Every structure is written in C-alpha cells, then in structure tokens.
Amino acid sequence: LKNGGLIIELESSLSARWLRQEANKDTFLSSLGTSAEIKDRLYPVLVPFLPVSSRINEDDWLRAIEAENNLTENAIRSTRWIKPIEKRAQGQQVAHAIFQLDSPQAANALLSEGLYVCKNKLHPTKDKREPIRCARCQKWGHIARDCKASHDTCAICGLQHRTANCDSFKTYHCVSCDSHTHSSNDPYCPTYERKCEELDAKHPENSMPYFPT
C-alpha cells in the first residue's frame, strides 16, 4: 500500500479468525521481525441526526448503546462526529456521526433494523467510499492538506477565496466541468457522478446496501 502497509489475503474466514486470536497474532507478528501491527477491518455506518448531547467518546455510553441494540460488548470500536464540534451552528441539536463496527453482521443489523439511542430510533446508512475532492483547489485525488495550489478556489463560485468566505448570490462555477450551471460541490455534478461510477466499478461492494458476510 502507499502508506507502507501490507494486505494479506487468507484462504478462508476460518484462517482469518485464527489469525485474529491474540496469541496467534502475537506469534505471527514476532515472526516478521518488525514493529508491524495487525489492524482489524472495521465496518463504518453513518448515523444521522444523533443528538449532540450524546457522549460518543465515553465507553460507558457506548456499552449502553450496544446493550440497547442487542450488540455484543465492544462491537462499536470507535465513533466520531463528521463535522468538528467547533463548527456547529449556535443552538444545534443534532449532528451526523460515524460508528465503526467490528463485524459486517453488527453493521448490517444497524442498517436493517435501525439504531436506538435512549429509545429513539435513528436510521444509519452505509458509509460509502466517495471520490476525494480537494477543498482547497476543488480538483480530484488529494485533500487540502496535500494540496500544492498557490491559492484557494471557492467550491461555489470558482473565484480565488475560501468557500466559507463566499458571498456570491446564485453565481456558480464548477472547476471540474468548467461550467457555470452548478458548483464544484454539487452532488449532481456530472464529473462527480462519473467518478462515483468509476469508484463503484473498482469496488463493487461500495454499491451494495449491506456489507458482504
């Protein structure tokens, strides 16, 4: 992989479960003679309209949610708010979050049956891979942190300023399409839709409503 990691494909799910056992994992890693570690695959779901009062970073809250939804203990491996807390609107009551589940079965249970939070039913969706668009230059294949552009390009009007500072009224320009009919961040942008199709063709699982088991 680009980050120096290695993907190992095993002959069966039984072999994969064997390798995940702590003793077997330690033996395997020590035989490599490096400081490598095995990262379990996680299954992300997007949880919409979660009350911002939810203590998603506290273990006791997560264990309670698992119990309420008949999940095994520690099935929810990690959680995060999609938008940084400091960027919330004043008085905002709900926000979207990502929950990482430890198995496709646990993730699919939430996708099919919903997620209950204090007896309120939410409707998670599969967190699909999407094409990467730079929020700085509006071009594809990298993020703003790695952008080499000399200036910001607005995702709405296409001028040289940050999108957050745009005050244009119904003035659009898509950098990818070189069009004034829509903005660079329009979910119906033809270039974006084409790139989504290309990504789904490369990763067929992406277009499935559930995770394969």
N, C-alpha and C. Protein backbone atom coordinates (compact mmCIF):
# COMPACT_ATOMS: atom_id res chain seq x y z
N LEU A 1 0.83 -1.20 0.00
CA LEU A 1 0.00 0.00 0.00
C LEU A 1 0.87 1.26 0.00
N LYS A 2 0.27 2.40 -0.36
CA LYS A 2 1.03 3.65 -0.41
C LYS A 2 1.60 4.05 0.95
N ASN A 3 0.92 3.65 2.03
CA ASN A 3 1.37 4.03 3.37
C ASN A 3 2.37 3.04 3.96
N GLY A 4 2.80 2.09 3.14
CA GLY A 4 3.76 1.11 3.62
C GLY A 4 3.14 -0.13 4.22
N GLY A 5 1.83 -0.17 4.26
CA GLY A 5 1.13 -1.31 4.81
C GLY A 5 1.08 -2.47 3.84
N LEU A 6 0.58 -3.60 4.31
CA LEU A 6 0.52 -4.82 3.51
C LEU A 6 -0.83 -5.49 3.73
N ILE A 7 -1.49 -5.87 2.66
CA ILE A 7 -2.74 -6.60 2.75
C ILE A 7 -2.44 -8.08 2.53
N ILE A 8 -2.84 -8.91 3.48
CA ILE A 8 -2.63 -10.35 3.39
C ILE A 8 -3.99 -11.02 3.21
N GLU A 9 -4.16 -11.76 2.13
CA GLU A 9 -5.40 -12.48 1.88
C GLU A 9 -5.22 -13.93 2.30
N LEU A 10 -6.14 -14.42 3.13
CA LEU A 10 -6.09 -15.80 3.61
C LEU A 10 -7.08 -16.65 2.83
N GLU A 11 -6.91 -17.96 2.91
CA GLU A 11 -7.70 -18.87 2.10
C GLU A 11 -9.13 -19.03 2.57
N SER A 12 -9.40 -18.68 3.83
CA SER A 12 -10.76 -18.87 4.35
C SER A 12 -11.01 -17.93 5.52
N SER A 13 -12.29 -17.76 5.85
CA SER A 13 -12.66 -16.94 7.01
C SER A 13 -12.19 -17.60 8.30
N LEU A 14 -12.09 -18.94 8.29
CA LEU A 14 -11.60 -19.66 9.46
C LEU A 14 -10.15 -19.28 9.76
N SER A 15 -9.35 -19.19 8.70
CA SER A 15 -7.95 -18.79 8.87
C SER A 15 -7.86 -17.36 9.39
N ALA A 16 -8.73 -16.50 8.89
CA ALA A 16 -8.73 -15.11 9.33
C ALA A 16 -9.08 -15.00 10.81
N ARG A 17 -10.09 -15.77 11.24
CA ARG A 17 -10.46 -15.76 12.65
C ARG A 17 -9.32 -16.31 13.52
N TRP A 18 -8.63 -17.32 13.01
CA TRP A 18 -7.49 -17.89 13.74
C TRP A 18 -6.41 -16.84 13.94
N LEU A 19 -6.14 -16.05 12.89
CA LEU A 19 -5.08 -15.05 12.97
C LEU A 19 -5.46 -13.91 13.90
N ARG A 20 -6.74 -13.65 14.05
CA ARG A 20 -7.18 -12.55 14.91
C ARG A 20 -7.05 -12.88 16.40
N GLN A 21 -6.91 -14.15 16.73
CA GLN A 21 -6.74 -14.52 18.14
C GLN A 21 -5.41 -13.96 18.64
N GLU A 22 -5.43 -13.37 19.84
CA GLU A 22 -4.29 -12.62 20.34
C GLU A 22 -2.99 -13.43 20.33
N ALA A 23 -3.03 -14.66 20.80
CA ALA A 23 -1.81 -15.47 20.85
C ALA A 23 -1.26 -15.73 19.45
N ASN A 24 -2.14 -16.07 18.51
CA ASN A 24 -1.69 -16.32 17.14
C ASN A 24 -1.21 -15.05 16.48
N LYS A 25 -1.89 -13.95 16.77
CA LYS A 25 -1.48 -12.67 16.20
C LYS A 25 -0.08 -12.29 16.68
N ASP A 26 0.18 -12.45 17.97
CA ASP A 26 1.50 -12.11 18.52
C ASP A 26 2.60 -12.98 17.91
N THR A 27 2.32 -14.27 17.77
CA THR A 27 3.31 -15.18 17.18
C THR A 27 3.61 -14.80 15.74
N PHE A 28 2.57 -14.48 15.00
CA PHE A 28 2.74 -14.11 13.59
C PHE A 28 3.55 -12.83 13.45
N LEU A 29 3.23 -11.82 14.27
CA LEU A 29 3.93 -10.54 14.18
C LEU A 29 5.39 -10.68 14.60
N SER A 30 5.65 -11.46 15.63
CA SER A 30 7.03 -11.62 16.08
C SER A 30 7.88 -12.31 15.02
N SER A 31 7.25 -13.20 14.23
CA SER A 31 7.99 -13.90 13.18
C SER A 31 8.39 -12.97 12.05
N LEU A 32 7.71 -11.83 11.93
CA LEU A 32 8.07 -10.87 10.88
C LEU A 32 9.33 -10.09 11.23
N GLY A 33 9.63 -10.01 12.52
CA GLY A 33 10.84 -9.32 12.95
C GLY A 33 10.79 -7.82 12.77
N THR A 34 9.59 -7.25 12.76
CA THR A 34 9.43 -5.80 12.63
C THR A 34 8.47 -5.32 13.71
N SER A 35 8.22 -4.02 13.71
CA SER A 35 7.29 -3.44 14.68
C SER A 35 5.89 -3.33 14.09
N ALA A 36 5.58 -4.21 13.15
CA ALA A 36 4.28 -4.17 12.48
C ALA A 36 3.15 -4.51 13.44
N GLU A 37 1.95 -4.12 13.09
CA GLU A 37 0.76 -4.47 13.85
C GLU A 37 -0.36 -4.83 12.89
N ILE A 38 -1.28 -5.65 13.35
CA ILE A 38 -2.42 -6.04 12.53
C ILE A 38 -3.61 -5.16 12.89
N LYS A 39 -4.19 -4.53 11.89
CA LYS A 39 -5.36 -3.71 12.10
C LYS A 39 -6.59 -4.46 11.60
N ASP A 40 -7.51 -4.70 12.50
CA ASP A 40 -8.74 -5.38 12.10
C ASP A 40 -9.56 -4.50 11.18
N ARG A 41 -10.23 -5.12 10.24
CA ARG A 41 -11.12 -4.36 9.37
C ARG A 41 -12.34 -3.93 10.16
N LEU A 42 -12.73 -2.68 9.99
CA LEU A 42 -13.93 -2.17 10.65
C LEU A 42 -14.98 -1.82 9.59
N TYR A 43 -16.22 -1.72 10.02
CA TYR A 43 -17.34 -1.52 9.11
C TYR A 43 -18.08 -0.25 9.50
N PRO A 44 -17.88 0.83 8.73
CA PRO A 44 -18.43 2.13 9.12
C PRO A 44 -19.88 2.33 8.68
N VAL A 45 -20.66 2.88 9.59
CA VAL A 45 -22.02 3.30 9.25
C VAL A 45 -22.18 4.77 9.63
N LEU A 46 -22.97 5.46 8.84
CA LEU A 46 -23.23 6.88 9.10
C LEU A 46 -24.53 6.97 9.90
N VAL A 47 -24.44 7.59 11.06
CA VAL A 47 -25.60 7.75 11.93
C VAL A 47 -26.08 9.20 11.84
N PRO A 48 -27.22 9.45 11.20
CA PRO A 48 -27.70 10.82 11.03
C PRO A 48 -28.52 11.30 12.23
N PHE A 49 -28.51 12.61 12.42
CA PHE A 49 -29.38 13.26 13.41
C PHE A 49 -29.22 12.70 14.82
N LEU A 50 -27.99 12.43 15.19
CA LEU A 50 -27.70 11.98 16.55
C LEU A 50 -27.67 13.20 17.47
N PRO A 51 -28.38 13.17 18.59
CA PRO A 51 -28.36 14.32 19.49
C PRO A 51 -26.93 14.70 19.88
N VAL A 52 -26.61 15.98 19.84
CA VAL A 52 -25.25 16.42 20.14
C VAL A 52 -24.89 16.21 21.60
N SER A 53 -25.89 15.91 22.42
CA SER A 53 -25.63 15.62 23.83
C SER A 53 -25.09 14.20 24.03
N SER A 54 -25.10 13.39 22.96
CA SER A 54 -24.63 12.01 23.05
C SER A 54 -23.13 11.98 23.37
N ARG A 55 -22.76 11.18 24.35
CA ARG A 55 -21.37 11.11 24.81
C ARG A 55 -20.63 10.01 24.04
N ILE A 56 -20.46 10.22 22.74
CA ILE A 56 -19.97 9.16 21.88
C ILE A 56 -18.51 8.78 22.14
N ASN A 57 -17.78 9.58 22.88
CA ASN A 57 -16.38 9.26 23.16
C ASN A 57 -16.19 8.62 24.53
N GLU A 58 -17.30 8.30 25.20
CA GLU A 58 -17.21 7.70 26.53
C GLU A 58 -17.63 6.23 26.47
N ASP A 59 -16.80 5.36 27.04
CA ASP A 59 -17.04 3.92 26.97
C ASP A 59 -18.37 3.50 27.57
N ASP A 60 -18.75 4.12 28.70
CA ASP A 60 -19.99 3.69 29.33
C ASP A 60 -21.20 3.98 28.45
N TRP A 61 -21.15 5.10 27.71
CA TRP A 61 -22.24 5.44 26.80
C TRP A 61 -22.30 4.43 25.66
N LEU A 62 -21.15 4.07 25.10
CA LEU A 62 -21.10 3.12 24.00
C LEU A 62 -21.60 1.74 24.43
N ARG A 63 -21.19 1.31 25.65
CA ARG A 63 -21.64 0.00 26.12
C ARG A 63 -23.16 -0.01 26.32
N ALA A 64 -23.70 1.11 26.78
CA ALA A 64 -25.15 1.21 26.97
C ALA A 64 -25.88 1.14 25.63
N ILE A 65 -25.33 1.77 24.60
CA ILE A 65 -25.94 1.74 23.27
C ILE A 65 -25.88 0.33 22.70
N GLU A 66 -24.76 -0.36 22.93
CA GLU A 66 -24.65 -1.75 22.48
C GLU A 66 -25.72 -2.62 23.14
N ALA A 67 -25.91 -2.44 24.44
CA ALA A 67 -26.91 -3.23 25.16
C ALA A 67 -28.32 -2.92 24.65
N GLU A 68 -28.60 -1.65 24.40
CA GLU A 68 -29.92 -1.26 23.94
C GLU A 68 -30.23 -1.84 22.56
N ASN A 69 -29.18 -2.08 21.76
CA ASN A 69 -29.37 -2.56 20.40
C ASN A 69 -29.00 -4.04 20.22
N ASN A 70 -28.83 -4.74 21.34
CA ASN A 70 -28.51 -6.17 21.32
C ASN A 70 -27.23 -6.48 20.55
N LEU A 71 -26.25 -5.61 20.67
CA LEU A 71 -24.94 -5.84 20.07
C LEU A 71 -24.02 -6.44 21.13
N THR A 72 -23.03 -7.19 20.70
CA THR A 72 -22.06 -7.72 21.65
C THR A 72 -21.22 -6.58 22.22
N GLU A 73 -20.66 -6.81 23.39
CA GLU A 73 -19.84 -5.78 24.03
C GLU A 73 -18.63 -5.47 23.16
N ASN A 74 -18.34 -4.18 23.02
CA ASN A 74 -17.23 -3.67 22.20
C ASN A 74 -17.45 -3.86 20.70
N ALA A 75 -18.69 -4.10 20.30
CA ALA A 75 -18.99 -4.18 18.86
C ALA A 75 -18.75 -2.83 18.19
N ILE A 76 -19.02 -1.74 18.94
CA ILE A 76 -18.75 -0.40 18.43
C ILE A 76 -17.30 -0.07 18.80
N ARG A 77 -16.42 -0.10 17.81
CA ARG A 77 -15.00 0.06 18.09
C ARG A 77 -14.58 1.53 18.22
N SER A 78 -15.19 2.38 17.44
CA SER A 78 -14.84 3.80 17.51
C SER A 78 -15.98 4.64 16.96
N THR A 79 -16.00 5.90 17.34
CA THR A 79 -17.02 6.83 16.88
C THR A 79 -16.40 8.20 16.68
N ARG A 80 -17.00 8.99 15.81
CA ARG A 80 -16.55 10.38 15.64
C ARG A 80 -17.67 11.19 15.01
N TRP A 81 -17.70 12.46 15.37
CA TRP A 81 -18.61 13.39 14.70
C TRP A 81 -18.04 13.71 13.33
N ILE A 82 -18.89 13.83 12.32
CA ILE A 82 -18.40 14.14 10.98
C ILE A 82 -17.90 15.58 10.91
N LYS A 83 -18.68 16.49 11.44
CA LYS A 83 -18.26 17.90 11.43
C LYS A 83 -17.63 18.24 12.79
N PRO A 84 -16.49 18.95 12.78
CA PRO A 84 -15.88 19.35 14.06
C PRO A 84 -16.87 20.09 14.95
N ILE A 85 -16.80 19.82 16.23
CA ILE A 85 -17.73 20.41 17.19
C ILE A 85 -17.70 21.93 17.14
N GLU A 86 -16.49 22.50 16.95
CA GLU A 86 -16.37 23.95 16.96
C GLU A 86 -17.04 24.61 15.76
N LYS A 87 -17.43 23.83 14.75
CA LYS A 87 -18.07 24.39 13.57
C LYS A 87 -19.59 24.24 13.60
N ARG A 88 -20.13 23.79 14.71
CA ARG A 88 -21.58 23.65 14.81
C ARG A 88 -22.26 25.01 14.89
N ALA A 89 -23.49 25.04 14.40
CA ALA A 89 -24.27 26.27 14.48
C ALA A 89 -24.74 26.47 15.92
N GLN A 90 -24.94 27.72 16.28
CA GLN A 90 -25.41 28.02 17.63
C GLN A 90 -26.79 27.39 17.85
N GLY A 91 -26.93 26.67 18.93
CA GLY A 91 -28.20 26.04 19.25
C GLY A 91 -28.46 24.74 18.50
N GLN A 92 -27.47 24.22 17.77
CA GLN A 92 -27.65 22.99 17.01
C GLN A 92 -27.96 21.82 17.96
N GLN A 93 -28.96 21.03 17.61
CA GLN A 93 -29.42 19.95 18.50
C GLN A 93 -28.96 18.56 18.06
N VAL A 94 -28.78 18.37 16.75
CA VAL A 94 -28.38 17.05 16.24
C VAL A 94 -27.24 17.21 15.25
N ALA A 95 -26.51 16.11 15.03
CA ALA A 95 -25.40 16.12 14.08
C ALA A 95 -25.19 14.70 13.57
N HIS A 96 -24.43 14.56 12.50
CA HIS A 96 -24.14 13.26 11.93
C HIS A 96 -22.84 12.70 12.53
N ALA A 97 -22.79 11.38 12.68
CA ALA A 97 -21.61 10.73 13.25
C ALA A 97 -21.30 9.46 12.48
N ILE A 98 -20.05 9.00 12.59
CA ILE A 98 -19.63 7.73 12.02
C ILE A 98 -19.37 6.74 13.15
N PHE A 99 -20.01 5.59 13.07
CA PHE A 99 -19.77 4.50 14.02
C PHE A 99 -19.02 3.39 13.28
N GLN A 100 -17.92 2.92 13.86
CA GLN A 100 -17.15 1.82 13.27
C GLN A 100 -17.50 0.54 14.03
N LEU A 101 -18.05 -0.45 13.32
CA LEU A 101 -18.44 -1.72 13.93
C LEU A 101 -17.39 -2.79 13.67
N ASP A 102 -17.34 -3.78 14.55
CA ASP A 102 -16.28 -4.79 14.47
C ASP A 102 -16.60 -5.94 13.53
N SER A 103 -17.81 -6.02 12.99
CA SER A 103 -18.15 -7.11 12.09
C SER A 103 -19.21 -6.65 11.09
N PRO A 104 -19.27 -7.30 9.93
CA PRO A 104 -20.33 -6.94 8.98
C PRO A 104 -21.71 -7.25 9.52
N GLN A 105 -21.81 -8.31 10.36
CA GLN A 105 -23.10 -8.67 10.92
C GLN A 105 -23.64 -7.56 11.84
N ALA A 106 -22.76 -7.00 12.66
CA ALA A 106 -23.18 -5.93 13.56
C ALA A 106 -23.58 -4.69 12.77
N ALA A 107 -22.78 -4.35 11.77
CA ALA A 107 -23.09 -3.18 10.95
C ALA A 107 -24.41 -3.37 10.19
N ASN A 108 -24.60 -4.56 9.62
CA ASN A 108 -25.82 -4.83 8.86
C ASN A 108 -27.06 -4.82 9.74
N ALA A 109 -26.89 -5.23 11.00
CA ALA A 109 -28.03 -5.20 11.92
C ALA A 109 -28.52 -3.76 12.12
N LEU A 110 -27.59 -2.83 12.24
CA LEU A 110 -27.98 -1.42 12.40
C LEU A 110 -28.58 -0.87 11.11
N LEU A 111 -28.04 -1.31 9.97
CA LEU A 111 -28.55 -0.83 8.69
C LEU A 111 -29.97 -1.33 8.42
N SER A 112 -30.26 -2.55 8.85
CA SER A 112 -31.58 -3.14 8.55
C SER A 112 -32.62 -2.83 9.63
N GLU A 113 -32.17 -2.74 10.87
CA GLU A 113 -33.12 -2.59 11.98
C GLU A 113 -33.11 -1.21 12.62
N GLY A 114 -32.12 -0.38 12.27
CA GLY A 114 -32.03 0.94 12.86
C GLY A 114 -31.20 0.92 14.13
N LEU A 115 -30.87 2.10 14.62
CA LEU A 115 -30.09 2.26 15.85
C LEU A 115 -30.95 2.99 16.88
N TYR A 116 -31.11 2.39 18.05
CA TYR A 116 -31.88 3.02 19.11
C TYR A 116 -30.94 3.74 20.07
N VAL A 117 -31.24 4.99 20.31
CA VAL A 117 -30.48 5.81 21.26
C VAL A 117 -31.48 6.37 22.26
N CYS A 118 -31.44 5.85 23.47
CA CYS A 118 -32.41 6.26 24.51
C CYS A 118 -33.84 6.11 24.00
N LYS A 119 -34.11 4.98 23.35
CA LYS A 119 -35.43 4.58 22.84
C LYS A 119 -35.86 5.35 21.60
N ASN A 120 -35.02 6.27 21.10
CA ASN A 120 -35.32 6.97 19.86
C ASN A 120 -34.65 6.25 18.70
N LYS A 121 -35.41 5.93 17.66
CA LYS A 121 -34.87 5.17 16.55
C LYS A 121 -34.25 6.08 15.50
N LEU A 122 -32.98 5.81 15.17
CA LEU A 122 -32.28 6.51 14.11
C LEU A 122 -32.08 5.54 12.95
N HIS A 123 -31.77 6.06 11.79
CA HIS A 123 -31.68 5.23 10.59
C HIS A 123 -30.31 5.36 9.94
N PRO A 124 -29.35 4.56 10.39
CA PRO A 124 -27.99 4.62 9.83
C PRO A 124 -27.97 4.17 8.37
N THR A 125 -26.96 4.63 7.65
CA THR A 125 -26.73 4.20 6.28
C THR A 125 -25.27 3.76 6.16
N LYS A 126 -24.99 2.98 5.15
CA LYS A 126 -23.64 2.51 4.92
C LYS A 126 -22.77 3.70 4.52
N ASP A 127 -21.63 3.82 5.16
CA ASP A 127 -20.70 4.90 4.83
C ASP A 127 -19.90 4.49 3.59
N LYS A 128 -20.32 4.95 2.45
CA LYS A 128 -19.72 4.54 1.19
C LYS A 128 -18.44 5.31 0.88
N ARG A 129 -17.56 4.68 0.15
CA ARG A 129 -16.39 5.39 -0.37
C ARG A 129 -16.86 6.42 -1.38
N GLU A 130 -16.27 7.59 -1.34
CA GLU A 130 -16.60 8.63 -2.31
C GLU A 130 -15.33 9.17 -2.92
N PRO A 131 -15.42 9.70 -4.13
CA PRO A 131 -14.23 10.30 -4.75
C PRO A 131 -13.68 11.42 -3.87
N ILE A 132 -12.38 11.54 -3.83
CA ILE A 132 -11.73 12.55 -2.99
C ILE A 132 -11.56 13.84 -3.79
N ARG A 133 -12.18 14.91 -3.28
CA ARG A 133 -12.04 16.22 -3.92
C ARG A 133 -11.39 17.19 -2.93
N CYS A 134 -10.39 17.91 -3.39
CA CYS A 134 -9.67 18.84 -2.53
C CYS A 134 -10.54 20.05 -2.21
N ALA A 135 -10.66 20.37 -0.93
CA ALA A 135 -11.46 21.51 -0.50
C ALA A 135 -10.75 22.83 -0.74
N ARG A 136 -9.48 22.77 -1.17
CA ARG A 136 -8.72 24.00 -1.42
C ARG A 136 -8.75 24.38 -2.91
N CYS A 137 -8.40 23.44 -3.79
CA CYS A 137 -8.34 23.76 -5.22
C CYS A 137 -9.52 23.18 -6.00
N GLN A 138 -10.33 22.32 -5.36
CA GLN A 138 -11.53 21.69 -5.93
C GLN A 138 -11.21 20.63 -6.99
N LYS A 139 -9.95 20.19 -7.06
CA LYS A 139 -9.59 19.14 -8.00
C LYS A 139 -9.58 17.79 -7.28
N TRP A 140 -9.44 16.73 -8.06
CA TRP A 140 -9.66 15.39 -7.54
C TRP A 140 -8.36 14.67 -7.20
N GLY A 141 -8.47 13.70 -6.27
CA GLY A 141 -7.36 12.79 -6.00
C GLY A 141 -6.47 13.16 -4.83
N HIS A 142 -6.74 14.26 -4.15
CA HIS A 142 -5.95 14.62 -2.97
C HIS A 142 -6.82 15.48 -2.05
N ILE A 143 -6.33 15.68 -0.83
CA ILE A 143 -7.04 16.52 0.13
C ILE A 143 -6.30 17.83 0.34
N ALA A 144 -6.95 18.76 1.01
CA ALA A 144 -6.39 20.11 1.16
C ALA A 144 -5.03 20.10 1.82
N ARG A 145 -4.83 19.19 2.77
CA ARG A 145 -3.56 19.12 3.48
C ARG A 145 -2.39 18.88 2.54
N ASP A 146 -2.64 18.16 1.44
CA ASP A 146 -1.57 17.82 0.49
C ASP A 146 -1.61 18.66 -0.77
N CYS A 147 -2.47 19.68 -0.78
CA CYS A 147 -2.66 20.48 -1.99
C CYS A 147 -1.43 21.35 -2.28
N LYS A 148 -1.06 21.40 -3.56
CA LYS A 148 0.10 22.20 -3.99
C LYS A 148 -0.32 23.52 -4.64
N ALA A 149 -1.62 23.79 -4.68
CA ALA A 149 -2.10 25.02 -5.30
C ALA A 149 -1.62 26.24 -4.54
N SER A 150 -1.41 27.32 -5.24
CA SER A 150 -0.90 28.55 -4.62
C SER A 150 -1.99 29.40 -3.99
N HIS A 151 -3.26 29.05 -4.23
CA HIS A 151 -4.36 29.86 -3.69
C HIS A 151 -5.59 28.98 -3.50
N ASP A 152 -6.54 29.46 -2.71
CA ASP A 152 -7.81 28.78 -2.53
C ASP A 152 -8.72 29.04 -3.73
N THR A 153 -9.53 28.05 -4.05
CA THR A 153 -10.55 28.21 -5.08
C THR A 153 -11.90 27.88 -4.46
N CYS A 154 -12.83 28.78 -4.58
CA CYS A 154 -14.15 28.60 -3.97
C CYS A 154 -14.91 27.46 -4.65
N ALA A 155 -15.52 26.60 -3.83
CA ALA A 155 -16.29 25.47 -4.37
C ALA A 155 -17.62 25.92 -4.95
N ILE A 156 -18.03 27.15 -4.66
CA ILE A 156 -19.33 27.63 -5.14
C ILE A 156 -19.18 28.47 -6.41
N CYS A 157 -18.41 29.56 -6.31
CA CYS A 157 -18.32 30.48 -7.45
C CYS A 157 -17.06 30.31 -8.28
N GLY A 158 -16.09 29.57 -7.76
CA GLY A 158 -14.87 29.32 -8.52
C GLY A 158 -13.82 30.42 -8.44
N LEU A 159 -14.08 31.49 -7.67
CA LEU A 159 -13.09 32.57 -7.55
C LEU A 159 -12.04 32.22 -6.50
N GLN A 160 -11.03 33.06 -6.40
CA GLN A 160 -9.89 32.75 -5.53
C GLN A 160 -10.12 33.23 -4.10
N HIS A 161 -10.93 32.51 -3.39
CA HIS A 161 -11.13 32.73 -1.96
C HIS A 161 -11.66 31.45 -1.34
N ARG A 162 -11.64 31.37 -0.02
CA ARG A 162 -12.16 30.18 0.66
C ARG A 162 -13.67 30.08 0.47
N THR A 163 -14.14 28.86 0.37
CA THR A 163 -15.57 28.63 0.18
C THR A 163 -16.38 29.25 1.32
N ALA A 164 -15.86 29.15 2.55
CA ALA A 164 -16.58 29.67 3.71
C ALA A 164 -16.76 31.19 3.64
N ASN A 165 -15.92 31.86 2.85
CA ASN A 165 -16.00 33.32 2.75
C ASN A 165 -16.77 33.79 1.53
N CYS A 166 -17.39 32.88 0.82
CA CYS A 166 -18.10 33.24 -0.42
C CYS A 166 -19.37 34.01 -0.11
N ASP A 167 -19.56 35.13 -0.78
CA ASP A 167 -20.79 35.91 -0.62
C ASP A 167 -21.51 36.09 -1.96
N SER A 168 -21.18 35.24 -2.93
CA SER A 168 -21.83 35.32 -4.24
C SER A 168 -23.27 34.86 -4.13
N PHE A 169 -24.15 35.46 -4.90
CA PHE A 169 -25.57 35.11 -4.90
C PHE A 169 -25.92 34.44 -6.21
N LYS A 170 -26.20 33.15 -6.14
CA LYS A 170 -26.59 32.37 -7.31
C LYS A 170 -25.57 32.49 -8.44
N THR A 171 -24.31 32.52 -8.06
CA THR A 171 -23.22 32.55 -9.03
C THR A 171 -22.42 31.27 -8.85
N TYR A 172 -22.47 30.40 -9.85
CA TYR A 172 -21.85 29.09 -9.71
C TYR A 172 -20.75 28.89 -10.76
N HIS A 173 -19.77 28.10 -10.37
CA HIS A 173 -18.76 27.65 -11.33
C HIS A 173 -18.16 26.35 -10.83
N CYS A 174 -18.24 25.33 -11.67
CA CYS A 174 -17.65 24.03 -11.35
C CYS A 174 -16.28 23.94 -12.00
N VAL A 175 -15.26 23.76 -11.18
CA VAL A 175 -13.89 23.67 -11.69
C VAL A 175 -13.73 22.44 -12.57
N SER A 176 -14.30 21.31 -12.14
CA SER A 176 -14.14 20.06 -12.88
C SER A 176 -14.78 20.10 -14.25
N CYS A 177 -15.98 20.64 -14.34
CA CYS A 177 -16.73 20.66 -15.60
C CYS A 177 -16.51 21.94 -16.39
N ASP A 178 -15.85 22.93 -15.77
CA ASP A 178 -15.70 24.26 -16.36
C ASP A 178 -17.07 24.78 -16.81
N SER A 179 -18.02 24.71 -15.88
CA SER A 179 -19.40 25.05 -16.18
C SER A 179 -19.93 26.04 -15.16
N HIS A 180 -20.84 26.90 -15.59
CA HIS A 180 -21.48 27.87 -14.69
C HIS A 180 -22.89 27.43 -14.30
N THR A 181 -23.23 26.20 -14.62
CA THR A 181 -24.58 25.72 -14.30
C THR A 181 -24.69 25.13 -12.90
N HIS A 182 -23.55 24.84 -12.28
CA HIS A 182 -23.57 24.24 -10.94
C HIS A 182 -22.22 24.50 -10.27
N SER A 183 -22.16 24.24 -8.98
CA SER A 183 -20.95 24.45 -8.20
C SER A 183 -20.07 23.20 -8.19
N SER A 184 -18.83 23.35 -7.72
CA SER A 184 -17.91 22.22 -7.65
C SER A 184 -18.36 21.18 -6.64
N ASN A 185 -19.13 21.60 -5.62
CA ASN A 185 -19.58 20.67 -4.58
C ASN A 185 -21.02 20.21 -4.78
N ASP A 186 -21.55 20.42 -5.98
CA ASP A 186 -22.92 19.98 -6.28
C ASP A 186 -22.96 18.45 -6.32
N PRO A 187 -23.85 17.82 -5.53
CA PRO A 187 -23.91 16.35 -5.53
C PRO A 187 -24.37 15.77 -6.86
N TYR A 188 -24.91 16.60 -7.75
CA TYR A 188 -25.33 16.13 -9.06
C TYR A 188 -24.37 16.58 -10.17
N CYS A 189 -23.18 17.00 -9.77
CA CYS A 189 -22.15 17.38 -10.74
C CYS A 189 -21.86 16.18 -11.64
N PRO A 190 -21.90 16.33 -12.96
CA PRO A 190 -21.64 15.20 -13.86
C PRO A 190 -20.28 14.55 -13.64
N THR A 191 -19.26 15.36 -13.36
CA THR A 191 -17.94 14.79 -13.11
C THR A 191 -17.94 13.96 -11.84
N TYR A 192 -18.59 14.48 -10.79
CA TYR A 192 -18.68 13.74 -9.53
C TYR A 192 -19.43 12.42 -9.73
N GLU A 193 -20.54 12.46 -10.45
CA GLU A 193 -21.32 11.25 -10.69
C GLU A 193 -20.51 10.23 -11.48
N ARG A 194 -19.73 10.69 -12.46
CA ARG A 194 -18.90 9.77 -13.25
C ARG A 194 -17.83 9.14 -12.38
N LYS A 195 -17.21 9.94 -11.52
CA LYS A 195 -16.18 9.40 -10.64
C LYS A 195 -16.76 8.42 -9.62
N CYS A 196 -17.99 8.65 -9.17
CA CYS A 196 -18.66 7.70 -8.29
C CYS A 196 -18.87 6.37 -9.01
N GLU A 197 -19.28 6.43 -10.26
CA GLU A 197 -19.48 5.21 -11.04
C GLU A 197 -18.16 4.46 -11.22
N GLU A 198 -17.09 5.18 -11.46
CA GLU A 198 -15.78 4.55 -11.62
C GLU A 198 -15.34 3.89 -10.32
N LEU A 199 -15.62 4.56 -9.19
CA LEU A 199 -15.25 4.01 -7.88
C LEU A 199 -16.06 2.76 -7.56
N ASP A 200 -17.35 2.78 -7.90
CA ASP A 200 -18.20 1.62 -7.66
C ASP A 200 -17.76 0.43 -8.53
N ALA A 201 -17.31 0.73 -9.75
CA ALA A 201 -16.85 -0.35 -10.64
C ALA A 201 -15.57 -0.97 -10.09
N LYS A 202 -14.74 -0.15 -9.48
CA LYS A 202 -13.48 -0.63 -8.91
C LYS A 202 -13.72 -1.38 -7.60
N HIS A 203 -14.72 -0.93 -6.84
CA HIS A 203 -15.04 -1.55 -5.55
C HIS A 203 -16.54 -1.90 -5.57
N PRO A 204 -16.92 -3.04 -6.15
CA PRO A 204 -18.34 -3.39 -6.28
C PRO A 204 -19.10 -3.38 -4.97
N GLU A 205 -18.42 -3.69 -3.87
CA GLU A 205 -19.08 -3.69 -2.55
C GLU A 205 -19.66 -2.32 -2.22
N ASN A 206 -19.09 -1.28 -2.81
CA ASN A 206 -19.49 0.08 -2.49
C ASN A 206 -20.95 0.35 -2.83
N SER A 207 -21.43 -0.26 -3.90
CA SER A 207 -22.81 -0.01 -4.35
C SER A 207 -23.83 -0.91 -3.67
N MET A 208 -23.36 -1.85 -2.83
CA MET A 208 -24.28 -2.74 -2.12
C MET A 208 -24.86 -2.04 -0.89
N PRO A 209 -26.12 -2.27 -0.58
CA PRO A 209 -26.73 -1.61 0.57
C PRO A 209 -26.20 -2.13 1.92
N TYR A 210 -25.71 -3.39 1.89
CA TYR A 210 -25.18 -4.01 3.12
C TYR A 210 -23.74 -4.47 2.88
N PHE A 211 -23.06 -4.79 3.98
CA PHE A 211 -21.71 -5.33 3.89
C PHE A 211 -21.76 -6.84 3.63
N PRO A 212 -20.97 -7.35 2.68
CA PRO A 212 -20.94 -8.81 2.45
C PRO A 212 -20.49 -9.54 3.71
N THR A 213 -21.07 -10.70 3.95
CA THR A 213 -20.70 -11.50 5.12
C THR A 213 -20.13 -12.84 4.70
